[in-house]
Amino acid sequence: MGKLGSFDIPGLLMWFNSLDHRPFHFHAKKTGKWELRIFFLECSEGLLAYEAKWSKPKGRGPSARDLRLILDQVLRHREELLKEWESKVKTEVQP
């Protein structure tokens, strides 16, 4: 696991799994509340491309504020995120 180095958002844990799959993504977690996969190359102005891995209580995910903070940083740091993916992640080999 490699901690995200491109940016930091207080209250969130963000990382790349060292052995992971495409599409390019990182994980963001608010401890005890939710975890997301953020597909950073698919994000655009006004659209955070993500998938919820889990949330507690069930069905309650991140706030609009959290999503906006993540999107703002992804759009500012997309090139650094791609470089981090390439240096920290080894993709799983598909049979």
PDB file of N, CA and C in Angstrom:
ATOM      1  N   MET A   1       0.844  -1.172   0.000  1.00  0.00           N
ATOM      2  CA  MET A   1       0.000   0.000   0.000  1.00  0.00           C
ATOM      3  C   MET A   1       0.888   1.233   0.000  1.00  0.00           C
ATOM      4  N   GLY A   2       0.555   2.202  -0.843  1.00  0.00           N
ATOM      5  CA  GLY A   2       1.318   3.435  -0.917  1.00  0.00           C
ATOM      6  C   GLY A   2       0.434   4.634  -0.628  1.00  0.00           C
ATOM      7  N   LYS A   3       0.771   5.360   0.421  1.00  0.00           N
ATOM      8  CA  LYS A   3       0.005   6.559   0.782  1.00  0.00           C
ATOM      9  C   LYS A   3       0.033   7.551  -0.370  1.00  0.00           C
ATOM     10  N   LEU A   4      -1.112   8.163  -0.616  1.00  0.00           N
ATOM     11  CA  LEU A   4      -1.212   9.180  -1.657  1.00  0.00           C
ATOM     12  C   LEU A   4      -0.334  10.361  -1.280  1.00  0.00           C
ATOM     13  N   GLY A   5       0.542  10.770  -2.180  1.00  0.00           N
ATOM     14  CA  GLY A   5       1.450  11.864  -1.905  1.00  0.00           C
ATOM     15  C   GLY A   5       1.138  13.132  -2.676  1.00  0.00           C
ATOM     16  N   SER A   6       0.274  13.056  -3.671  1.00  0.00           N
ATOM     17  CA  SER A   6      -0.022  14.206  -4.528  1.00  0.00           C
ATOM     18  C   SER A   6      -0.751  15.322  -3.801  1.00  0.00           C
ATOM     19  N   PHE A   7      -1.595  14.953  -2.860  1.00  0.00           N
ATOM     20  CA  PHE A   7      -2.340  15.933  -2.072  1.00  0.00           C
ATOM     21  C   PHE A   7      -2.866  15.266  -0.812  1.00  0.00           C
ATOM     22  N   ASP A   8      -3.351  16.087   0.103  1.00  0.00           N
ATOM     23  CA  ASP A   8      -3.886  15.600   1.370  1.00  0.00           C
ATOM     24  C   ASP A   8      -5.182  16.349   1.660  1.00  0.00           C
ATOM     25  N   ILE A   9      -6.155  15.635   2.199  1.00  0.00           N
ATOM     26  CA  ILE A   9      -7.400  16.260   2.662  1.00  0.00           C
ATOM     27  C   ILE A   9      -7.566  15.824   4.114  1.00  0.00           C
ATOM     28  N   PRO A  10      -7.529  16.772   5.048  1.00  0.00           N
ATOM     29  CA  PRO A  10      -7.675  16.419   6.462  1.00  0.00           C
ATOM     30  C   PRO A  10      -8.946  15.593   6.712  1.00  0.00           C
ATOM     31  N   GLY A  11      -8.793  14.528   7.496  1.00  0.00           N
ATOM     32  CA  GLY A  11      -9.924  13.665   7.836  1.00  0.00           C
ATOM     33  C   GLY A  11     -10.113  12.493   6.893  1.00  0.00           C
ATOM     34  N   LEU A  12      -9.350  12.458   5.784  1.00  0.00           N
ATOM     35  CA  LEU A  12      -9.458  11.346   4.839  1.00  0.00           C
ATOM     36  C   LEU A  12      -8.139  10.600   4.745  1.00  0.00           C
ATOM     37  N   LEU A  13      -8.219   9.285   4.651  1.00  0.00           N
ATOM     38  CA  LEU A  13      -7.064   8.449   4.338  1.00  0.00           C
ATOM     39  C   LEU A  13      -7.142   8.161   2.848  1.00  0.00           C
ATOM     40  N   MET A  14      -6.027   8.316   2.144  1.00  0.00           N
ATOM     41  CA  MET A  14      -6.015   8.072   0.699  1.00  0.00           C
ATOM     42  C   MET A  14      -4.760   7.306   0.331  1.00  0.00           C
ATOM     43  N   TRP A  15      -4.910   6.294  -0.535  1.00  0.00           N
ATOM     44  CA  TRP A  15      -3.795   5.427  -0.874  1.00  0.00           C
ATOM     45  C   TRP A  15      -4.022   4.709  -2.198  1.00  0.00           C
ATOM     46  N   PHE A  16      -2.915   4.154  -2.700  1.00  0.00           N
ATOM     47  CA  PHE A  16      -2.931   3.223  -3.826  1.00  0.00           C
ATOM     48  C   PHE A  16      -2.630   1.841  -3.249  1.00  0.00           C
ATOM     49  N   ASN A  17      -3.356   0.826  -3.672  1.00  0.00           N
ATOM     50  CA  ASN A  17      -2.971  -0.544  -3.318  1.00  0.00           C
ATOM     51  C   ASN A  17      -1.783  -0.920  -4.191  1.00  0.00           C
ATOM     52  N   SER A  18      -0.785  -1.573  -3.592  1.00  0.00           N
ATOM     53  CA  SER A  18       0.427  -1.878  -4.356  1.00  0.00           C
ATOM     54  C   SER A  18       0.195  -2.932  -5.438  1.00  0.00           C
ATOM     55  N   LEU A  19      -0.762  -3.806  -5.260  1.00  0.00           N
ATOM     56  CA  LEU A  19      -1.146  -4.766  -6.305  1.00  0.00           C
ATOM     57  C   LEU A  19      -2.616  -4.502  -6.577  1.00  0.00           C
ATOM     58  N   ASP A  20      -2.912  -3.894  -7.704  1.00  0.00           N
ATOM     59  CA  ASP A  20      -4.294  -3.496  -7.970  1.00  0.00           C
ATOM     60  C   ASP A  20      -4.616  -3.687  -9.445  1.00  0.00           C
ATOM     61  N   HIS A  21      -5.760  -3.251  -9.857  1.00  0.00           N
ATOM     62  CA  HIS A  21      -6.276  -3.464 -11.212  1.00  0.00           C
ATOM     63  C   HIS A  21      -6.592  -2.121 -11.850  1.00  0.00           C
ATOM     64  N   ARG A  22      -6.716  -2.118 -13.155  1.00  0.00           N
ATOM     65  CA  ARG A  22      -7.182  -0.940 -13.876  1.00  0.00           C
ATOM     66  C   ARG A  22      -8.693  -0.934 -13.844  1.00  0.00           C
ATOM     67  N   PRO A  23      -9.358   0.165 -14.056  1.00  0.00           N
ATOM     68  CA  PRO A  23      -8.818   1.446 -14.472  1.00  0.00           C
ATOM     69  C   PRO A  23      -8.059   2.134 -13.337  1.00  0.00           C
ATOM     70  N   PHE A  24      -7.250   3.128 -13.709  1.00  0.00           N
ATOM     71  CA  PHE A  24      -6.434   3.870 -12.760  1.00  0.00           C
ATOM     72  C   PHE A  24      -7.317   4.459 -11.666  1.00  0.00           C
ATOM     73  N   HIS A  25      -6.941   4.209 -10.408  1.00  0.00           N
ATOM     74  CA  HIS A  25      -7.742   4.721  -9.299  1.00  0.00           C
ATOM     75  C   HIS A  25      -6.924   4.746  -8.020  1.00  0.00           C
ATOM     76  N   PHE A  26      -7.429   5.479  -7.051  1.00  0.00           N
ATOM     77  CA  PHE A  26      -6.901   5.418  -5.697  1.00  0.00           C
ATOM     78  C   PHE A  26      -8.084   5.237  -4.754  1.00  0.00           C
ATOM     79  N   HIS A  27      -7.787   4.908  -3.523  1.00  0.00           N
ATOM     80  CA  HIS A  27      -8.823   4.690  -2.521  1.00  0.00           C
ATOM     81  C   HIS A  27      -8.859   5.881  -1.572  1.00  0.00           C
ATOM     82  N   ALA A  28     -10.063   6.256  -1.170  1.00  0.00           N
ATOM     83  CA  ALA A  28     -10.260   7.328  -0.190  1.00  0.00           C
ATOM     84  C   ALA A  28     -11.202   6.778   0.873  1.00  0.00           C
ATOM     85  N   LYS A  29     -10.870   7.044   2.140  1.00  0.00           N
ATOM     86  CA  LYS A  29     -11.652   6.482   3.238  1.00  0.00           C
ATOM     87  C   LYS A  29     -11.834   7.519   4.337  1.00  0.00           C
ATOM     88  N   LYS A  30     -13.058   7.611   4.824  1.00  0.00           N
ATOM     89  CA  LYS A  30     -13.350   8.349   6.048  1.00  0.00           C
ATOM     90  C   LYS A  30     -13.607   7.259   7.078  1.00  0.00           C
ATOM     91  N   THR A  31     -12.686   7.098   8.009  1.00  0.00           N
ATOM     92  CA  THR A  31     -12.694   5.974   8.946  1.00  0.00           C
ATOM     93  C   THR A  31     -14.054   5.795   9.614  1.00  0.00           C
ATOM     94  N   GLY A  32     -14.546   4.547   9.521  1.00  0.00           N
ATOM     95  CA  GLY A  32     -15.812   4.192  10.134  1.00  0.00           C
ATOM     96  C   GLY A  32     -17.044   4.673   9.388  1.00  0.00           C
ATOM     97  N   LYS A  33     -16.852   5.383   8.265  1.00  0.00           N
ATOM     98  CA  LYS A  33     -17.998   5.953   7.538  1.00  0.00           C
ATOM     99  C   LYS A  33     -18.146   5.391   6.125  1.00  0.00           C
ATOM    100  N   TRP A  34     -17.070   5.463   5.315  1.00  0.00           N
ATOM    101  CA  TRP A  34     -17.154   5.011   3.937  1.00  0.00           C
ATOM    102  C   TRP A  34     -15.759   4.830   3.336  1.00  0.00           C
ATOM    103  N   GLU A  35     -15.732   4.096   2.210  1.00  0.00           N
ATOM    104  CA  GLU A  35     -14.524   3.967   1.393  1.00  0.00           C
ATOM    105  C   GLU A  35     -14.943   4.030  -0.065  1.00  0.00           C
ATOM    106  N   LEU A  36     -14.163   4.780  -0.858  1.00  0.00           N
ATOM    107  CA  LEU A  36     -14.431   4.955  -2.282  1.00  0.00           C
ATOM    108  C   LEU A  36     -13.226   4.567  -3.111  1.00  0.00           C
ATOM    109  N   ARG A  37     -13.483   4.158  -4.346  1.00  0.00           N
ATOM    110  CA  ARG A  37     -12.453   4.085  -5.375  1.00  0.00           C
ATOM    111  C   ARG A  37     -12.658   5.311  -6.247  1.00  0.00           C
ATOM    112  N   ILE A  38     -11.603   6.101  -6.435  1.00  0.00           N
ATOM    113  CA  ILE A  38     -11.685   7.321  -7.235  1.00  0.00           C
ATOM    114  C   ILE A  38     -10.961   7.067  -8.556  1.00  0.00           C
ATOM    115  N   PHE A  39     -11.685   7.091  -9.662  1.00  0.00           N
ATOM    116  CA  PHE A  39     -11.133   6.858 -10.996  1.00  0.00           C
ATOM    117  C   PHE A  39     -10.664   8.198 -11.560  1.00  0.00           C
ATOM    118  N   PHE A  40      -9.449   8.594 -11.197  1.00  0.00           N
ATOM    119  CA  PHE A  40      -8.985   9.960 -11.404  1.00  0.00           C
ATOM    120  C   PHE A  40      -8.837  10.382 -12.862  1.00  0.00           C
ATOM    121  N   LEU A  41      -8.604   9.460 -13.786  1.00  0.00           N
ATOM    122  CA  LEU A  41      -8.507   9.856 -15.194  1.00  0.00           C
ATOM    123  C   LEU A  41      -9.878  10.077 -15.823  1.00  0.00           C
ATOM    124  N   GLU A  42     -10.925   9.620 -15.179  1.00  0.00           N
ATOM    125  CA  GLU A  42     -12.283   9.753 -15.707  1.00  0.00           C
ATOM    126  C   GLU A  42     -13.021  10.961 -15.139  1.00  0.00           C
ATOM    127  N   CYS A  43     -12.417  11.658 -14.196  1.00  0.00           N
ATOM    128  CA  CYS A  43     -13.055  12.825 -13.576  1.00  0.00           C
ATOM    129  C   CYS A  43     -12.979  14.021 -14.508  1.00  0.00           C
ATOM    130  N   SER A  44     -13.985  14.877 -14.412  1.00  0.00           N
ATOM    131  CA  SER A  44     -13.990  16.115 -15.193  1.00  0.00           C
ATOM    132  C   SER A  44     -14.667  17.188 -14.358  1.00  0.00           C
ATOM    133  N   GLU A  45     -14.662  18.396 -14.851  1.00  0.00           N
ATOM    134  CA  GLU A  45     -15.280  19.503 -14.127  1.00  0.00           C
ATOM    135  C   GLU A  45     -16.717  19.129 -13.768  1.00  0.00           C
ATOM    136  N   GLY A  46     -17.021  19.124 -12.492  1.00  0.00           N
ATOM    137  CA  GLY A  46     -18.377  18.803 -12.035  1.00  0.00           C
ATOM    138  C   GLY A  46     -18.692  17.324 -11.936  1.00  0.00           C
ATOM    139  N   LEU A  47     -17.738  16.431 -12.246  1.00  0.00           N
ATOM    140  CA  LEU A  47     -18.010  14.990 -12.202  1.00  0.00           C
ATOM    141  C   LEU A  47     -16.861  14.253 -11.529  1.00  0.00           C
ATOM    142  N   LEU A  48     -17.113  13.718 -10.350  1.00  0.00           N
ATOM    143  CA  LEU A  48     -16.158  12.851  -9.678  1.00  0.00           C
ATOM    144  C   LEU A  48     -16.527  11.420 -10.028  1.00  0.00           C
ATOM    145  N   ALA A  49     -15.655  10.736 -10.751  1.00  0.00           N
ATOM    146  CA  ALA A  49     -15.904   9.347 -11.139  1.00  0.00           C
ATOM    147  C   ALA A  49     -15.431   8.453  -9.990  1.00  0.00           C
ATOM    148  N   TYR A  50     -16.377   7.810  -9.322  1.00  0.00           N
ATOM    149  CA  TYR A  50     -16.016   6.979  -8.173  1.00  0.00           C
ATOM    150  C   TYR A  50     -16.995   5.829  -8.018  1.00  0.00           C
ATOM    151  N   GLU A  51     -16.581   4.885  -7.195  1.00  0.00           N
ATOM    152  CA  GLU A  51     -17.408   3.736  -6.835  1.00  0.00           C
ATOM    153  C   GLU A  51     -17.311   3.583  -5.330  1.00  0.00           C
ATOM    154  N   ALA A  52     -18.443   3.461  -4.667  1.00  0.00           N
ATOM    155  CA  ALA A  52     -18.443   3.244  -3.219  1.00  0.00           C
ATOM    156  C   ALA A  52     -18.152   1.776  -2.941  1.00  0.00           C
ATOM    157  N   LYS A  53     -17.112   1.520  -2.132  1.00  0.00           N
ATOM    158  CA  LYS A  53     -16.819   0.150  -1.726  1.00  0.00           C
ATOM    159  C   LYS A  53     -17.714  -0.252  -0.562  1.00  0.00           C
ATOM    160  N   TRP A  54     -17.902   0.660   0.381  1.00  0.00           N
ATOM    161  CA  TRP A  54     -18.805   0.418   1.512  1.00  0.00           C
ATOM    162  C   TRP A  54     -19.117   1.723   2.213  1.00  0.00           C
ATOM    163  N   SER A  55     -20.209   1.724   2.947  1.00  0.00           N
ATOM    164  CA  SER A  55     -20.556   2.874   3.773  1.00  0.00           C
ATOM    165  C   SER A  55     -21.370   2.395   4.971  1.00  0.00           C
ATOM    166  N   LYS A  56     -21.240   3.128   6.081  1.00  0.00           N
ATOM    167  CA  LYS A  56     -21.983   2.819   7.305  1.00  0.00           C
ATOM    168  C   LYS A  56     -22.586   4.106   7.822  1.00  0.00           C
ATOM    169  N   PRO A  57     -23.810   4.147   8.229  1.00  0.00           N
ATOM    170  CA  PRO A  57     -24.763   3.064   8.020  1.00  0.00           C
ATOM    171  C   PRO A  57     -24.975   2.830   6.531  1.00  0.00           C
ATOM    172  N   LYS A  58     -25.429   1.633   6.225  1.00  0.00           N
ATOM    173  CA  LYS A  58     -25.556   1.232   4.828  1.00  0.00           C
ATOM    174  C   LYS A  58     -26.335   2.285   4.032  1.00  0.00           C
ATOM    175  N   GLY A  59     -25.775   2.633   2.892  1.00  0.00           N
ATOM    176  CA  GLY A  59     -26.430   3.581   2.006  1.00  0.00           C
ATOM    177  C   GLY A  59     -26.051   5.036   2.228  1.00  0.00           C
ATOM    178  N   ARG A  60     -25.396   5.350   3.351  1.00  0.00           N
ATOM    179  CA  ARG A  60     -24.976   6.739   3.601  1.00  0.00           C
ATOM    180  C   ARG A  60     -23.525   6.873   3.199  1.00  0.00           C
ATOM    181  N   GLY A  61     -23.302   7.589   2.149  1.00  0.00           N
ATOM    182  CA  GLY A  61     -21.948   7.755   1.639  1.00  0.00           C
ATOM    183  C   GLY A  61     -21.369   9.098   2.004  1.00  0.00           C
ATOM    184  N   PRO A  62     -20.408   9.529   1.247  1.00  0.00           N
ATOM    185  CA  PRO A  62     -19.730  10.798   1.521  1.00  0.00           C
ATOM    186  C   PRO A  62     -20.648  12.001   1.314  1.00  0.00           C
ATOM    187  N   SER A  63     -20.336  13.066   2.020  1.00  0.00           N
ATOM    188  CA  SER A  63     -21.106  14.305   1.874  1.00  0.00           C
ATOM    189  C   SER A  63     -20.750  14.976   0.546  1.00  0.00           C
ATOM    190  N   ALA A  64     -21.608  15.874   0.120  1.00  0.00           N
ATOM    191  CA  ALA A  64     -21.334  16.657  -1.097  1.00  0.00           C
ATOM    192  C   ALA A  64     -20.040  17.436  -0.919  1.00  0.00           C
ATOM    193  N   ARG A  65     -19.779  17.920   0.290  1.00  0.00           N
ATOM    194  CA  ARG A  65     -18.550  18.676   0.566  1.00  0.00           C
ATOM    195  C   ARG A  65     -17.322  17.789   0.374  1.00  0.00           C
ATOM    196  N   ASP A  66     -17.353  16.560   0.925  1.00  0.00           N
ATOM    197  CA  ASP A  66     -16.224  15.642   0.750  1.00  0.00           C
ATOM    198  C   ASP A  66     -15.976  15.349  -0.726  1.00  0.00           C
ATOM    199  N   LEU A  67     -17.041  15.085  -1.469  1.00  0.00           N
ATOM    200  CA  LEU A  67     -16.901  14.785  -2.896  1.00  0.00           C
ATOM    201  C   LEU A  67     -16.310  15.970  -3.650  1.00  0.00           C
ATOM    202  N   ARG A  68     -16.757  17.168  -3.324  1.00  0.00           N
ATOM    203  CA  ARG A  68     -16.243  18.378  -3.987  1.00  0.00           C
ATOM    204  C   ARG A  68     -14.759  18.590  -3.665  1.00  0.00           C
ATOM    205  N   LEU A  69     -14.377  18.374  -2.397  1.00  0.00           N
ATOM    206  CA  LEU A  69     -12.963  18.526  -2.024  1.00  0.00           C
ATOM    207  C   LEU A  69     -12.079  17.541  -2.784  1.00  0.00           C
ATOM    208  N   ILE A  70     -12.534  16.296  -2.877  1.00  0.00           N
ATOM    209  CA  ILE A  70     -11.766  15.282  -3.603  1.00  0.00           C
ATOM    210  C   ILE A  70     -11.657  15.669  -5.077  1.00  0.00           C
ATOM    211  N   LEU A  71     -12.783  16.027  -5.694  1.00  0.00           N
ATOM    212  CA  LEU A  71     -12.771  16.385  -7.113  1.00  0.00           C
ATOM    213  C   LEU A  71     -11.839  17.559  -7.379  1.00  0.00           C
ATOM    214  N   ASP A  72     -11.916  18.598  -6.568  1.00  0.00           N
ATOM    215  CA  ASP A  72     -11.040  19.769  -6.766  1.00  0.00           C
ATOM    216  C   ASP A  72      -9.570  19.353  -6.777  1.00  0.00           C
ATOM    217  N   GLN A  73      -9.187  18.499  -5.841  1.00  0.00           N
ATOM    218  CA  GLN A  73      -7.790  18.075  -5.754  1.00  0.00           C
ATOM    219  C   GLN A  73      -7.400  17.146  -6.907  1.00  0.00           C
ATOM    220  N   VAL A  74      -8.299  16.259  -7.298  1.00  0.00           N
ATOM    221  CA  VAL A  74      -8.026  15.362  -8.429  1.00  0.00           C
ATOM    222  C   VAL A  74      -7.771  16.179  -9.698  1.00  0.00           C
ATOM    223  N   LEU A  75      -8.612  17.166  -9.951  1.00  0.00           N
ATOM    224  CA  LEU A  75      -8.449  17.968 -11.162  1.00  0.00           C
ATOM    225  C   LEU A  75      -7.153  18.770 -11.132  1.00  0.00           C
ATOM    226  N   ARG A  76      -6.736  19.220  -9.963  1.00  0.00           N
ATOM    227  CA  ARG A  76      -5.478  19.975  -9.839  1.00  0.00           C
ATOM    228  C   ARG A  76      -4.243  19.085  -9.948  1.00  0.00           C
ATOM    229  N   HIS A  77      -4.359  17.829  -9.555  1.00  0.00           N
ATOM    230  CA  HIS A  77      -3.177  16.970  -9.417  1.00  0.00           C
ATOM    231  C   HIS A  77      -3.231  15.696 -10.269  1.00  0.00           C
ATOM    232  N   ARG A  78      -3.986  15.720 -11.340  1.00  0.00           N
ATOM    233  CA  ARG A  78      -4.161  14.497 -12.147  1.00  0.00           C
ATOM    234  C   ARG A  78      -2.833  13.936 -12.673  1.00  0.00           C
ATOM    235  N   GLU A  79      -1.948  14.796 -13.165  1.00  0.00           N
ATOM    236  CA  GLU A  79      -0.665  14.303 -13.694  1.00  0.00           C
ATOM    237  C   GLU A  79       0.165  13.642 -12.603  1.00  0.00           C
ATOM    238  N   GLU A  80       0.210  14.260 -11.421  1.00  0.00           N
ATOM    239  CA  GLU A  80       0.959  13.655 -10.308  1.00  0.00           C
ATOM    240  C   GLU A  80       0.341  12.334  -9.889  1.00  0.00           C
ATOM    241  N   LEU A  81      -0.993  12.240  -9.918  1.00  0.00           N
ATOM    242  CA  LEU A  81      -1.668  10.985  -9.566  1.00  0.00           C
ATOM    243  C   LEU A  81      -1.275   9.872 -10.533  1.00  0.00           C
ATOM    244  N   LEU A  82      -1.218  10.181 -11.812  1.00  0.00           N
ATOM    245  CA  LEU A  82      -0.828   9.173 -12.797  1.00  0.00           C
ATOM    246  C   LEU A  82       0.614   8.726 -12.569  1.00  0.00           C
ATOM    247  N   LYS A  83       1.509   9.666 -12.287  1.00  0.00           N
ATOM    248  CA  LYS A  83       2.903   9.301 -11.995  1.00  0.00           C
ATOM    249  C   LYS A  83       2.992   8.436 -10.749  1.00  0.00           C
ATOM    250  N   GLU A  84       2.195   8.769  -9.734  1.00  0.00           N
ATOM    251  CA  GLU A  84       2.186   7.953  -8.517  1.00  0.00           C
ATOM    252  C   GLU A  84       1.688   6.544  -8.801  1.00  0.00           C
ATOM    253  N   TRP A  85       0.605   6.440  -9.576  1.00  0.00           N
ATOM    254  CA  TRP A  85       0.066   5.116  -9.938  1.00  0.00           C
ATOM    255  C   TRP A  85       1.182   4.286 -10.589  1.00  0.00           C
ATOM    256  N   GLU A  86       1.863   4.903 -11.567  1.00  0.00           N
ATOM    257  CA  GLU A  86       2.892   4.179 -12.307  1.00  0.00           C
ATOM    258  C   GLU A  86       4.052   3.754 -11.417  1.00  0.00           C
ATOM    259  N   SER A  87       4.362   4.513 -10.370  1.00  0.00           N
ATOM    260  CA  SER A  87       5.491   4.149  -9.511  1.00  0.00           C
ATOM    261  C   SER A  87       5.090   3.271  -8.330  1.00  0.00           C
ATOM    262  N   LYS A  88       3.832   3.295  -7.919  1.00  0.00           N
ATOM    263  CA  LYS A  88       3.434   2.589  -6.698  1.00  0.00           C
ATOM    264  C   LYS A  88       2.591   1.344  -6.929  1.00  0.00           C
ATOM    265  N   VAL A  89       2.030   1.180  -8.141  1.00  0.00           N
ATOM    266  CA  VAL A  89       1.076   0.096  -8.364  1.00  0.00           C
ATOM    267  C   VAL A  89       1.610  -0.885  -9.405  1.00  0.00           C
ATOM    268  N   LYS A  90       1.533  -2.133  -9.063  1.00  0.00           N
ATOM    269  CA  LYS A  90       1.780  -3.208 -10.022  1.00  0.00           C
ATOM    270  C   LYS A  90       0.409  -3.818 -10.319  1.00  0.00           C
ATOM    271  N   THR A  91       0.006  -3.799 -11.594  1.00  0.00           N
ATOM    272  CA  THR A  91      -1.325  -4.274 -11.927  1.00  0.00           C
ATOM    273  C   THR A  91      -1.376  -5.795 -11.885  1.00  0.00           C
ATOM    274  N   GLU A  92      -2.535  -6.286 -11.502  1.00  0.00           N
ATOM    275  CA  GLU A  92      -2.759  -7.729 -11.472  1.00  0.00           C
ATOM    276  C   GLU A  92      -2.736  -8.260 -12.900  1.00  0.00           C
ATOM    277  N   VAL A  93      -2.160  -9.418 -13.066  1.00  0.00           N
ATOM    278  CA  VAL A  93      -2.134 -10.059 -14.385  1.00  0.00           C
ATOM    279  C   VAL A  93      -3.448 -10.804 -14.552  1.00  0.00           C
ATOM    280  N   GLN A  94      -4.152 -10.503 -15.639  1.00  0.00           N
ATOM    281  CA  GLN A  94      -5.415 -11.167 -15.922  1.00  0.00           C
ATOM    282  C   GLN A  94      -5.142 -12.421 -16.752  1.00  0.00           C
ATOM    283  N   PRO A  95      -5.738 -13.552 -16.397  1.00  0.00           N
ATOM    284  CA  PRO A  95      -5.523 -14.798 -17.171  1.00  0.00           C
ATOM    285  C   PRO A  95      -6.097 -14.728 -18.563  1.00  0.00           C
TER     286      PRO A  95
END
